[in-house]
């Protein structure tokens, strides 16, 4: 039996054994199927699998405006008949072709340029991990990831043993890291991420009379040091004064 087929008599077992993030997808699919009775019935009897049902539901969710309501049952019947002899990937190509036929010619855009098709799902999984699934412009995505995800030989010329999936994941993480480090991000909860740096005033004053050790890429900190250009761009600096017996009134937040 096709393992992707979901039978109505064991939904609890399916949800209990589903991978992280998959249970939510199954629940959302069940909600969407309330509008498409024939597809729900086919899934209930095992005539089609979960993958087929997702394709059919996704087809109707992405239909262009102006498609006559009376055409929808015919589209559902057509896709259900095709699903009997095709796997979900083949059915997805058929659904995309059918959707293209239903698009008004004057308003039709290539899929790569149609931002209405953009989707990104991000779910938190176990152990502090996250799962991302996206539907974006392939050319833009490839341009952003290609250079960062290519194999990188070691300093001794050793072959890069990372899998293509790992290289792409690390390239995507690097893009996120560079964006977060740039300092132009919107405020999160009305406040930028902050770091409180506390030092005794007498230590700063004493540092004026000494030559601090040189650290590559780091400017020495003194009592009168202004914020660096990168710090001033990415944050807000607040001076705080305190004596030995009381905490500072403002820790820079």
C-alpha atoms as a PDB file:
ATOM      1  CA  UNK A   1       0.000   0.000   0.000  1.00  0.00           C
ATOM      2  CA  UNK A   2       1.183   3.516  -0.754  1.00  0.00           C
ATOM      3  CA  UNK A   3       2.550   4.896   2.562  1.00  0.00           C
ATOM      4  CA  UNK A   4       1.322   8.367   1.633  1.00  0.00           C
ATOM      5  CA  UNK A   5      -2.304   7.245   1.699  1.00  0.00           C
ATOM      6  CA  UNK A   6      -4.189   8.417   4.774  1.00  0.00           C
ATOM      7  CA  UNK A   7      -7.146   6.349   5.961  1.00  0.00           C
ATOM      8  CA  UNK A   8      -9.856   7.966   8.046  1.00  0.00           C
ATOM      9  CA  UNK A   9      -9.851   5.161  10.585  1.00  0.00           C
ATOM     10  CA  UNK A  10      -6.346   6.015  11.873  1.00  0.00           C
ATOM     11  CA  UNK A  11      -5.907   9.817  11.850  1.00  0.00           C
ATOM     12  CA  UNK A  12      -4.705   9.909  15.459  1.00  0.00           C
ATOM     13  CA  UNK A  13      -1.949   7.435  14.696  1.00  0.00           C
ATOM     14  CA  UNK A  14      -0.876   9.439  11.659  1.00  0.00           C
ATOM     15  CA  UNK A  15      -0.626  12.671  13.651  1.00  0.00           C
ATOM     16  CA  UNK A  16       1.181  10.933  16.515  1.00  0.00           C
ATOM     17  CA  UNK A  17       3.853   9.424  14.258  1.00  0.00           C
ATOM     18  CA  UNK A  18       4.228  12.379  11.890  1.00  0.00           C
ATOM     19  CA  UNK A  19       7.577  14.137  11.647  1.00  0.00           C
ATOM     20  CA  UNK A  20       7.919  17.567  13.326  1.00  0.00           C
ATOM     21  CA  UNK A  21       5.962  20.103  11.312  1.00  0.00           C
ATOM     22  CA  UNK A  22       4.150  17.427   9.302  1.00  0.00           C
ATOM     23  CA  UNK A  23       1.282  17.114  11.785  1.00  0.00           C
ATOM     24  CA  UNK A  24       0.412  20.792  11.340  1.00  0.00           C
ATOM     25  CA  UNK A  25       0.469  20.368   7.565  1.00  0.00           C
ATOM     26  CA  UNK A  26      -1.924  17.405   7.818  1.00  0.00           C
ATOM     27  CA  UNK A  27      -4.303  19.369  10.040  1.00  0.00           C
ATOM     28  CA  UNK A  28      -4.237  22.321   7.634  1.00  0.00           C
ATOM     29  CA  UNK A  29      -4.896  19.953   4.745  1.00  0.00           C
ATOM     30  CA  UNK A  30      -7.925  18.564   6.588  1.00  0.00           C
ATOM     31  CA  UNK A  31      -9.310  22.084   7.040  1.00  0.00           C
ATOM     32  CA  UNK A  32      -8.826  22.888   3.361  1.00  0.00           C
ATOM     33  CA  UNK A  33     -10.508  19.649   2.272  1.00  0.00           C
ATOM     34  CA  UNK A  34     -13.802  20.753   3.847  1.00  0.00           C
ATOM     35  CA  UNK A  35     -14.329  22.789   0.661  1.00  0.00           C
ATOM     36  CA  UNK A  36     -13.591  19.903  -1.715  1.00  0.00           C
ATOM     37  CA  UNK A  37     -15.811  16.991  -0.832  1.00  0.00           C
ATOM     38  CA  UNK A  38     -14.823  14.710  -3.714  1.00  0.00           C
ATOM     39  CA  UNK A  39     -11.113  15.050  -2.934  1.00  0.00           C
ATOM     40  CA  UNK A  40     -11.777  14.422   0.764  1.00  0.00           C
ATOM     41  CA  UNK A  41     -13.800  11.326  -0.094  1.00  0.00           C
ATOM     42  CA  UNK A  42     -11.056   9.991  -2.375  1.00  0.00           C
ATOM     43  CA  UNK A  43      -8.484  10.521   0.366  1.00  0.00           C
ATOM     44  CA  UNK A  44     -10.791   8.877   2.901  1.00  0.00           C
ATOM     45  CA  UNK A  45     -11.160   5.743   0.778  1.00  0.00           C
ATOM     46  CA  UNK A  46      -7.470   5.554  -0.092  1.00  0.00           C
ATOM     47  CA  UNK A  47      -7.981   6.254  -3.798  1.00  0.00           C
ATOM     48  CA  UNK A  48      -5.421   9.058  -3.582  1.00  0.00           C
ATOM     49  CA  UNK A  49      -2.599   9.862  -1.172  1.00  0.00           C
ATOM     50  CA  UNK A  50      -1.837  12.893   0.959  1.00  0.00           C
ATOM     51  CA  UNK A  51       0.556  14.179  -1.691  1.00  0.00           C
ATOM     52  CA  UNK A  52      -2.189  14.099  -4.347  1.00  0.00           C
ATOM     53  CA  UNK A  53      -4.605  15.888  -2.022  1.00  0.00           C
ATOM     54  CA  UNK A  54      -2.056  18.629  -1.296  1.00  0.00           C
ATOM     55  CA  UNK A  55      -1.583  19.213  -5.028  1.00  0.00           C
ATOM     56  CA  UNK A  56      -5.322  19.480  -5.646  1.00  0.00           C
ATOM     57  CA  UNK A  57      -5.950  21.790  -2.693  1.00  0.00           C
ATOM     58  CA  UNK A  58      -2.954  23.908  -3.715  1.00  0.00           C
ATOM     59  CA  UNK A  59      -4.297  24.134  -7.259  1.00  0.00           C
ATOM     60  CA  UNK A  60      -7.548  25.707  -6.083  1.00  0.00           C
ATOM     61  CA  UNK A  61      -5.749  28.002  -3.630  1.00  0.00           C
ATOM     62  CA  UNK A  62      -3.694  29.443  -6.495  1.00  0.00           C
ATOM     63  CA  UNK A  63      -6.385  29.857  -9.107  1.00  0.00           C
ATOM     64  CA  UNK A  64      -6.382  33.276 -10.793  1.00  0.00           C
ATOM     65  CA  UNK A  65      -9.278  35.628 -10.224  1.00  0.00           C
ATOM     66  CA  UNK A  66     -12.173  35.385 -12.624  1.00  0.00           C
ATOM     67  CA  UNK A  67     -12.378  31.600 -13.016  1.00  0.00           C
ATOM     68  CA  UNK A  68     -16.119  30.720 -13.199  1.00  0.00           C
ATOM     69  CA  UNK A  69     -17.379  28.892 -10.108  1.00  0.00           C
ATOM     70  CA  UNK A  70     -19.122  26.301 -12.283  1.00  0.00           C
ATOM     71  CA  UNK A  71     -15.732  25.252 -13.705  1.00  0.00           C
ATOM     72  CA  UNK A  72     -14.302  24.269 -10.322  1.00  0.00           C
ATOM     73  CA  UNK A  73     -16.073  20.880  -9.943  1.00  0.00           C
ATOM     74  CA  UNK A  74     -14.890  19.915 -13.437  1.00  0.00           C
ATOM     75  CA  UNK A  75     -11.324  20.816 -12.523  1.00  0.00           C
ATOM     76  CA  UNK A  76     -11.552  18.722  -9.364  1.00  0.00           C
ATOM     77  CA  UNK A  77     -12.899  15.728 -11.286  1.00  0.00           C
ATOM     78  CA  UNK A  78     -10.172  16.069 -13.916  1.00  0.00           C
ATOM     79  CA  UNK A  79      -7.388  16.142 -11.335  1.00  0.00           C
ATOM     80  CA  UNK A  80      -8.834  13.248  -9.332  1.00  0.00           C
ATOM     81  CA  UNK A  81      -8.998  11.109 -12.471  1.00  0.00           C
ATOM     82  CA  UNK A  82      -5.392  12.015 -13.307  1.00  0.00           C
ATOM     83  CA  UNK A  83      -4.269  11.239  -9.741  1.00  0.00           C
ATOM     84  CA  UNK A  84      -5.324   7.621 -10.177  1.00  0.00           C
ATOM     85  CA  UNK A  85      -2.407   7.012 -12.544  1.00  0.00           C
ATOM     86  CA  UNK A  86       0.146   9.656 -11.586  1.00  0.00           C
ATOM     87  CA  UNK A  87       2.388  10.344  -8.632  1.00  0.00           C
ATOM     88  CA  UNK A  88       2.113  13.705  -6.837  1.00  0.00           C
ATOM     89  CA  UNK A  89       4.992  15.262  -8.801  1.00  0.00           C
ATOM     90  CA  UNK A  90       3.378  14.363 -12.140  1.00  0.00           C
ATOM     91  CA  UNK A  91       0.018  15.584 -10.896  1.00  0.00           C
ATOM     92  CA  UNK A  92       1.589  18.879  -9.799  1.00  0.00           C
ATOM     93  CA  UNK A  93       2.881  19.471 -13.345  1.00  0.00           C
ATOM     94  CA  UNK A  94      -0.558  18.701 -14.746  1.00  0.00           C
ATOM     95  CA  UNK A  95      -2.196  21.065 -12.241  1.00  0.00           C
ATOM     96  CA  UNK A  96       0.262  23.842 -13.156  1.00  0.00           C
ATOM     97  CA  UNK A  97      -0.567  23.412 -16.850  1.00  0.00           C
ATOM     98  CA  UNK A  98      -4.302  23.508 -16.113  1.00  0.00           C
ATOM     99  CA  UNK A  99      -3.918  26.643 -14.007  1.00  0.00           C
ATOM    100  CA  UNK A 100      -1.972  28.286 -16.820  1.00  0.00           C
ATOM    101  CA  UNK A 101      -4.832  27.546 -19.218  1.00  0.00           C
ATOM    102  CA  UNK A 102      -7.289  29.229 -16.858  1.00  0.00           C
ATOM    103  CA  UNK A 103      -5.229  32.415 -16.450  1.00  0.00           C
ATOM    104  CA  UNK A 104      -6.506  35.469 -18.349  1.00  0.00           C
ATOM    105  CA  UNK A 105      -4.140  36.150 -21.232  1.00  0.00           C
ATOM    106  CA  UNK A 106      -3.914  39.886 -20.597  1.00  0.00           C
ATOM    107  CA  UNK A 107      -3.053  39.410 -16.925  1.00  0.00           C
ATOM    108  CA  UNK A 108      -0.871  36.348 -17.293  1.00  0.00           C
ATOM    109  CA  UNK A 109       2.677  36.582 -15.910  1.00  0.00           C
ATOM    110  CA  UNK A 110       5.465  34.017 -16.062  1.00  0.00           C
ATOM    111  CA  UNK A 111       5.514  32.086 -12.817  1.00  0.00           C
ATOM    112  CA  UNK A 112       9.022  33.375 -12.057  1.00  0.00           C
ATOM    113  CA  UNK A 113       7.739  36.975 -12.139  1.00  0.00           C
ATOM    114  CA  UNK A 114       4.446  36.355 -10.362  1.00  0.00           C
ATOM    115  CA  UNK A 115       5.099  37.359  -6.755  1.00  0.00           C
ATOM    116  CA  UNK A 116       1.570  36.260  -5.791  1.00  0.00           C
ATOM    117  CA  UNK A 117       2.900  32.695  -5.959  1.00  0.00           C
ATOM    118  CA  UNK A 118       5.609  33.345  -3.363  1.00  0.00           C
ATOM    119  CA  UNK A 119       5.293  31.227  -0.225  1.00  0.00           C
ATOM    120  CA  UNK A 120       7.567  30.548   2.725  1.00  0.00           C
ATOM    121  CA  UNK A 121       6.792  28.322   5.688  1.00  0.00           C
ATOM    122  CA  UNK A 122       9.038  28.323   8.759  1.00  0.00           C
ATOM    123  CA  UNK A 123       8.362  25.940  11.630  1.00  0.00           C
ATOM    124  CA  UNK A 124      10.202  25.395  14.893  1.00  0.00           C
ATOM    125  CA  UNK A 125      11.102  21.747  15.428  1.00  0.00           C
ATOM    126  CA  UNK A 126      12.755  19.869  18.293  1.00  0.00           C
ATOM    127  CA  UNK A 127      16.088  20.748  19.844  1.00  0.00           C
ATOM    128  CA  UNK A 128      16.040  24.392  18.833  1.00  0.00           C
ATOM    129  CA  UNK A 129      15.994  23.565  15.124  1.00  0.00           C
ATOM    130  CA  UNK A 130      13.805  25.046  12.416  1.00  0.00           C
ATOM    131  CA  UNK A 131      12.368  23.783   9.138  1.00  0.00           C
ATOM    132  CA  UNK A 132      11.901  26.041   6.092  1.00  0.00           C
ATOM    133  CA  UNK A 133       9.917  25.369   2.916  1.00  0.00           C
ATOM    134  CA  UNK A 134       9.628  28.027   0.230  1.00  0.00           C
ATOM    135  CA  UNK A 135       8.315  28.660  -3.284  1.00  0.00           C
ATOM    136  CA  UNK A 136      10.274  31.588  -4.749  1.00  0.00           C
ATOM    137  CA  UNK A 137      11.775  32.877  -7.983  1.00  0.00           C
ATOM    138  CA  UNK A 138      14.262  30.117  -8.862  1.00  0.00           C
ATOM    139  CA  UNK A 139      16.683  32.445 -10.662  1.00  0.00           C
ATOM    140  CA  UNK A 140      16.896  34.838  -7.711  1.00  0.00           C
ATOM    141  CA  UNK A 141      17.252  31.967  -5.242  1.00  0.00           C
ATOM    142  CA  UNK A 142      19.992  30.322  -7.308  1.00  0.00           C
ATOM    143  CA  UNK A 143      21.887  33.600  -7.690  1.00  0.00           C
ATOM    144  CA  UNK A 144      21.796  34.160  -3.922  1.00  0.00           C
ATOM    145  CA  UNK A 145      22.917  30.649  -2.966  1.00  0.00           C
ATOM    146  CA  UNK A 146      25.111  29.466  -5.845  1.00  0.00           C
ATOM    147  CA  UNK A 147      28.431  31.084  -4.926  1.00  0.00           C
ATOM    148  CA  UNK A 148      28.046  30.365  -1.216  1.00  0.00           C
ATOM    149  CA  UNK A 149      26.993  26.735  -1.664  1.00  0.00           C
ATOM    150  CA  UNK A 150      29.664  25.547  -4.091  1.00  0.00           C
ATOM    151  CA  UNK A 151      32.241  23.045  -2.773  1.00  0.00           C
ATOM    152  CA  UNK A 152      35.103  24.651  -0.836  1.00  0.00           C
ATOM    153  CA  UNK A 153      38.320  22.604  -0.780  1.00  0.00           C
ATOM    154  CA  UNK A 154      40.330  22.711   2.439  1.00  0.00           C
ATOM    155  CA  UNK A 155      43.575  24.638   2.814  1.00  0.00           C
ATOM    156  CA  UNK A 156      45.469  21.439   2.088  1.00  0.00           C
ATOM    157  CA  UNK A 157      43.403  20.838  -1.048  1.00  0.00           C
ATOM    158  CA  UNK A 158      41.220  18.190   0.599  1.00  0.00           C
ATOM    159  CA  UNK A 159      37.883  17.564  -1.058  1.00  0.00           C
ATOM    160  CA  UNK A 160      34.787  19.203   0.440  1.00  0.00           C
ATOM    161  CA  UNK A 161      32.856  16.279   1.920  1.00  0.00           C
ATOM    162  CA  UNK A 162      29.674  18.239   2.716  1.00  0.00           C
ATOM    163  CA  UNK A 163      26.542  17.021   0.960  1.00  0.00           C
ATOM    164  CA  UNK A 164      24.809  19.413  -1.496  1.00  0.00           C
ATOM    165  CA  UNK A 165      21.921  19.770   0.972  1.00  0.00           C
ATOM    166  CA  UNK A 166      24.315  20.740   3.787  1.00  0.00           C
ATOM    167  CA  UNK A 167      26.142  23.238   1.553  1.00  0.00           C
ATOM    168  CA  UNK A 168      22.837  24.881   0.586  1.00  0.00           C
ATOM    169  CA  UNK A 169      21.701  25.010   4.219  1.00  0.00           C
ATOM    170  CA  UNK A 170      24.959  26.625   5.320  1.00  0.00           C
ATOM    171  CA  UNK A 171      24.746  29.105   2.427  1.00  0.00           C
ATOM    172  CA  UNK A 172      21.206  30.067   3.457  1.00  0.00           C
ATOM    173  CA  UNK A 173      22.315  30.457   7.080  1.00  0.00           C
ATOM    174  CA  UNK A 174      25.185  32.665   5.913  1.00  0.00           C
ATOM    175  CA  UNK A 175      22.752  34.912   4.011  1.00  0.00           C
ATOM    176  CA  UNK A 176      20.659  35.286   7.157  1.00  0.00           C
ATOM    177  CA  UNK A 177      23.765  35.984   9.244  1.00  0.00           C
ATOM    178  CA  UNK A 178      24.950  38.702   6.852  1.00  0.00           C
ATOM    179  CA  UNK A 179      21.517  40.317   6.868  1.00  0.00           C
ATOM    180  CA  UNK A 180      21.342  40.332  10.653  1.00  0.00           C
ATOM    181  CA  UNK A 181      24.869  41.736  10.914  1.00  0.00           C
ATOM    182  CA  UNK A 182      24.155  44.557   8.479  1.00  0.00           C
ATOM    183  CA  UNK A 183      22.291  46.691  11.011  1.00  0.00           C
ATOM    184  CA  UNK A 184      19.422  47.835   8.798  1.00  0.00           C
ATOM    185  CA  UNK A 185      16.837  45.408  10.197  1.00  0.00           C
ATOM    186  CA  UNK A 186      13.462  46.684  11.407  1.00  0.00           C
ATOM    187  CA  UNK A 187      12.968  47.068  15.144  1.00  0.00           C
ATOM    188  CA  UNK A 188      11.791  43.872  16.873  1.00  0.00           C
ATOM    189  CA  UNK A 189       9.124  44.563  19.521  1.00  0.00           C
ATOM    190  CA  UNK A 190       9.988  48.275  19.351  1.00  0.00           C
ATOM    191  CA  UNK A 191      13.584  47.641  20.404  1.00  0.00           C
ATOM    192  CA  UNK A 192      16.739  46.604  18.617  1.00  0.00           C
ATOM    193  CA  UNK A 193      18.723  43.694  20.054  1.00  0.00           C
ATOM    194  CA  UNK A 194      21.013  45.163  22.723  1.00  0.00           C
ATOM    195  CA  UNK A 195      24.178  44.425  24.645  1.00  0.00           C
ATOM    196  CA  UNK A 196      24.977  46.084  27.966  1.00  0.00           C
ATOM    197  CA  UNK A 197      28.696  46.766  28.412  1.00  0.00           C
ATOM    198  CA  UNK A 198      29.552  47.774  32.006  1.00  0.00           C
ATOM    199  CA  UNK A 199      32.947  49.061  33.144  1.00  0.00           C
ATOM    200  CA  UNK A 200      34.037  51.004  36.204  1.00  0.00           C
ATOM    201  CA  UNK A 201      34.706  54.683  35.536  1.00  0.00           C
ATOM    202  CA  UNK A 202      38.048  54.551  37.335  1.00  0.00           C
ATOM    203  CA  UNK A 203      39.152  51.750  35.001  1.00  0.00           C
ATOM    204  CA  UNK A 204      38.236  53.834  31.973  1.00  0.00           C
ATOM    205  CA  UNK A 205      40.001  56.871  33.450  1.00  0.00           C
ATOM    206  CA  UNK A 206      43.120  54.843  34.208  1.00  0.00           C
ATOM    207  CA  UNK A 207      43.075  53.529  30.655  1.00  0.00           C
ATOM    208  CA  UNK A 208      43.626  57.081  29.384  1.00  0.00           C
ATOM    209  CA  UNK A 209      47.182  57.018  30.829  1.00  0.00           C
ATOM    210  CA  UNK A 210      48.119  53.619  29.428  1.00  0.00           C
ATOM    211  CA  UNK A 211      48.603  52.245  25.960  1.00  0.00           C
ATOM    212  CA  UNK A 212      46.067  49.450  25.405  1.00  0.00           C
ATOM    213  CA  UNK A 213      47.250  46.343  23.563  1.00  0.00           C
ATOM    214  CA  UNK A 214      46.609  46.383  19.848  1.00  0.00           C
ATOM    215  CA  UNK A 215      43.889  43.996  18.694  1.00  0.00           C
ATOM    216  CA  UNK A 216      43.414  43.683  14.909  1.00  0.00           C
ATOM    217  CA  UNK A 217      40.085  45.148  13.826  1.00  0.00           C
ATOM    218  CA  UNK A 218      39.176  46.444  17.312  1.00  0.00           C
ATOM    219  CA  UNK A 219      39.442  50.080  18.422  1.00  0.00           C
ATOM    220  CA  UNK A 220      40.526  50.743  22.017  1.00  0.00           C
ATOM    221  CA  UNK A 221      37.775  51.832  24.429  1.00  0.00           C
ATOM    222  CA  UNK A 222      38.340  54.939  26.535  1.00  0.00           C
ATOM    223  CA  UNK A 223      36.154  57.174  28.675  1.00  0.00           C
ATOM    224  CA  UNK A 224      35.581  59.512  25.748  1.00  0.00           C
ATOM    225  CA  UNK A 225      35.403  56.943  22.961  1.00  0.00           C
ATOM    226  CA  UNK A 226      32.566  57.597  20.521  1.00  0.00           C
ATOM    227  CA  UNK A 227      30.684  54.616  19.087  1.00  0.00           C
ATOM    228  CA  UNK A 228      32.261  53.137  15.986  1.00  0.00           C
ATOM    229  CA  UNK A 229      30.553  53.772  12.670  1.00  0.00           C
ATOM    230  CA  UNK A 230      29.186  50.242  12.497  1.00  0.00           C
ATOM    231  CA  UNK A 231      27.976  50.356  16.107  1.00  0.00           C
ATOM    232  CA  UNK A 232      26.335  53.748  15.663  1.00  0.00           C
ATOM    233  CA  UNK A 233      24.522  52.480  12.573  1.00  0.00           C
ATOM    234  CA  UNK A 234      23.231  49.273  14.150  1.00  0.00           C
ATOM    235  CA  UNK A 235      22.461  50.402  17.671  1.00  0.00           C
ATOM    236  CA  UNK A 236      21.699  53.190  20.102  1.00  0.00           C
ATOM    237  CA  UNK A 237      24.326  53.996  22.756  1.00  0.00           C
ATOM    238  CA  UNK A 238      23.363  55.259  26.212  1.00  0.00           C
ATOM    239  CA  UNK A 239      25.845  56.302  28.889  1.00  0.00           C
ATOM    240  CA  UNK A 240      25.204  55.024  32.420  1.00  0.00           C
ATOM    241  CA  UNK A 241      26.867  56.176  35.620  1.00  0.00           C
ATOM    242  CA  UNK A 242      27.018  54.279  38.916  1.00  0.00           C
ATOM    243  CA  UNK A 243      29.110  54.191  42.058  1.00  0.00           C
ATOM    244  CA  UNK A 244      30.344  51.139  43.879  1.00  0.00           C
ATOM    245  CA  UNK A 245      27.247  50.834  46.075  1.00  0.00           C
ATOM    246  CA  UNK A 246      24.412  51.281  43.559  1.00  0.00           C
ATOM    247  CA  UNK A 247      23.453  49.802  40.201  1.00  0.00           C
ATOM    248  CA  UNK A 248      23.244  52.045  37.115  1.00  0.00           C
ATOM    249  CA  UNK A 249      19.961  53.871  36.609  1.00  0.00           C
ATOM    250  CA  UNK A 250      20.026  53.061  32.878  1.00  0.00           C
ATOM    251  CA  UNK A 251      21.843  50.029  31.519  1.00  0.00           C
ATOM    252  CA  UNK A 252      21.740  51.221  27.951  1.00  0.00           C
ATOM    253  CA  UNK A 253      18.356  49.842  26.913  1.00  0.00           C
END
